[in-house]
Amino acid sequence: MTESTNKDEAPSPRPPVDLDITVAHPARVYDYWLGGKDNFAADREAAEQAIEANPMILPGVRTNRAFLRRAVSYLAGEAGVVQTHRWRPGPGDLSSDQEITGWCGVARKS
């Protein structure tokens, strides 16, 4: 996709997203494990198969998210970081790094 360099021109429209909800996606599976709503039947089925194969996956996922909360809270609070970058792919949820910095009362630069 080529973006227009002329500020008076409208940007080129984005091509349609090729979203196949019949195939599980890792980000949506993770969303399901965290209790999110941005997942489909294929994602839930894959998530349950993974849990069956490895029952410790849920504690691991929750531990990972707890670490993210602690790390972002520290950076946004004590370390004074005022700008974050959403580095992980996939849908956001109420536990995202942006929400965590909001909980810390940190003003974010755009």
Protein backbone atom coordinates (compact mmCIF):
# COMPACT_ATOMS: atom_id res chain seq x y z
CA MET A 1 0.00 0.00 0.00
CA THR A 2 1.32 3.39 -0.94
CA GLU A 3 0.37 6.37 1.17
CA SER A 4 -0.15 9.73 -0.48
CA THR A 5 2.57 12.34 0.12
CA ASN A 6 0.29 15.24 -0.84
CA LYS A 7 -1.56 16.44 2.27
CA ASP A 8 -4.52 17.62 0.13
CA GLU A 9 -5.04 14.13 -1.30
CA ALA A 10 -7.06 11.53 0.54
CA PRO A 11 -4.95 8.53 1.58
CA SER A 12 -5.27 5.40 -0.51
CA PRO A 13 -7.91 3.04 0.84
CA ARG A 14 -6.58 0.00 2.62
CA PRO A 15 -7.11 -3.34 0.97
CA PRO A 16 -9.75 -5.51 2.64
CA VAL A 17 -8.54 -7.67 5.50
CA ASP A 18 -8.47 -11.39 4.79
CA LEU A 19 -9.93 -12.72 8.03
CA ASP A 20 -10.66 -16.43 8.16
CA ILE A 21 -12.53 -17.07 11.38
CA THR A 22 -12.56 -20.82 10.72
CA VAL A 23 -8.81 -20.99 11.41
CA ALA A 24 -7.50 -20.33 14.91
CA HIS A 25 -5.19 -17.36 15.39
CA PRO A 26 -2.67 -17.27 18.29
CA ALA A 27 -3.71 -13.78 19.43
CA ARG A 28 -7.38 -14.77 19.60
CA VAL A 29 -6.53 -18.03 21.39
CA TYR A 30 -4.59 -15.99 23.95
CA ASP A 31 -7.56 -13.64 24.23
CA TYR A 32 -9.78 -16.63 25.03
CA TRP A 33 -7.37 -17.86 27.70
CA LEU A 34 -7.51 -14.43 29.33
CA GLY A 35 -11.31 -14.44 29.30
CA GLY A 36 -11.65 -11.96 26.45
CA LYS A 37 -14.45 -11.64 23.94
CA ASP A 38 -12.44 -11.17 20.73
CA ASN A 39 -12.30 -14.79 19.62
CA PHE A 40 -14.22 -17.24 17.47
CA ALA A 41 -15.23 -20.91 17.69
CA ALA A 42 -12.01 -22.09 15.99
CA ASP A 43 -9.94 -20.10 18.50
CA ARG A 44 -11.86 -21.49 21.47
CA GLU A 45 -11.53 -25.03 20.16
CA ALA A 46 -7.77 -24.66 19.65
CA ALA A 47 -7.44 -23.08 23.10
CA GLU A 48 -9.27 -25.97 24.74
CA GLN A 49 -7.13 -28.51 22.85
CA ALA A 50 -4.01 -26.76 24.10
CA ILE A 51 -5.34 -26.81 27.66
CA GLU A 52 -6.08 -30.51 27.34
CA ALA A 53 -2.56 -31.18 26.05
CA ASN A 54 -0.93 -28.92 28.65
CA PRO A 55 -3.11 -28.11 31.70
CA MET A 56 -0.45 -25.72 33.02
CA ILE A 57 -0.88 -23.37 30.06
CA LEU A 58 -3.51 -21.21 31.80
CA PRO A 59 -1.39 -20.53 34.88
CA GLY A 60 1.47 -19.66 32.52
CA VAL A 61 -0.65 -17.26 30.50
CA ARG A 62 -1.95 -15.59 33.65
CA THR A 63 1.56 -15.34 35.10
CA ASN A 64 2.75 -13.76 31.86
CA ARG A 65 -0.04 -11.16 31.99
CA ALA A 66 0.64 -10.45 35.68
CA PHE A 67 4.30 -9.80 34.81
CA LEU A 68 3.21 -7.41 32.04
CA ARG A 69 1.04 -5.53 34.54
CA ARG A 70 3.89 -5.27 37.05
CA ALA A 71 6.46 -4.24 34.44
CA VAL A 72 4.28 -1.59 32.82
CA SER A 73 3.08 -0.30 36.19
CA TYR A 74 6.69 0.10 37.32
CA LEU A 75 7.78 1.78 34.09
CA ALA A 76 4.78 4.11 34.00
CA GLY A 77 4.85 4.88 37.72
CA GLU A 78 8.22 4.70 39.43
CA ALA A 79 10.41 4.98 36.33
CA GLY A 80 8.33 7.84 34.91
CA VAL A 81 7.95 6.52 31.37
CA VAL A 82 5.17 8.55 29.74
CA GLN A 83 5.06 6.92 26.33
CA THR A 84 4.49 3.27 25.57
CA HIS A 85 4.42 1.30 22.36
CA ARG A 86 2.00 -1.54 21.76
CA TRP A 87 4.46 -4.15 20.60
CA ARG A 88 2.35 -7.27 20.66
CA PRO A 89 -0.02 -8.20 17.86
CA GLY A 90 -3.61 -9.06 18.37
CA PRO A 91 -6.69 -7.60 19.93
CA GLY A 92 -6.40 -5.43 22.99
CA ASP A 93 -8.21 -6.14 26.18
CA LEU A 94 -8.79 -4.48 29.52
CA SER A 95 -5.38 -5.70 30.66
CA SER A 96 -3.42 -4.13 27.83
CA ASP A 97 -0.34 -2.00 28.46
CA GLN A 98 -2.30 1.13 27.52
CA GLU A 99 -4.95 0.35 30.13
CA ILE A 100 -2.28 -0.38 32.73
CA THR A 101 -0.60 2.98 32.16
CA GLY A 102 -4.05 4.54 32.50
CA TRP A 103 -4.47 2.83 35.88
CA CYS A 104 -1.19 4.40 36.96
CA GLY A 105 -2.53 7.87 36.13
CA VAL A 106 0.29 8.53 33.66
CA ALA A 107 -0.32 11.00 30.88
CA ARG A 108 0.58 9.43 27.58
CA LYS A 109 2.06 11.27 24.65
CA SER A 110 0.62 10.41 21.26
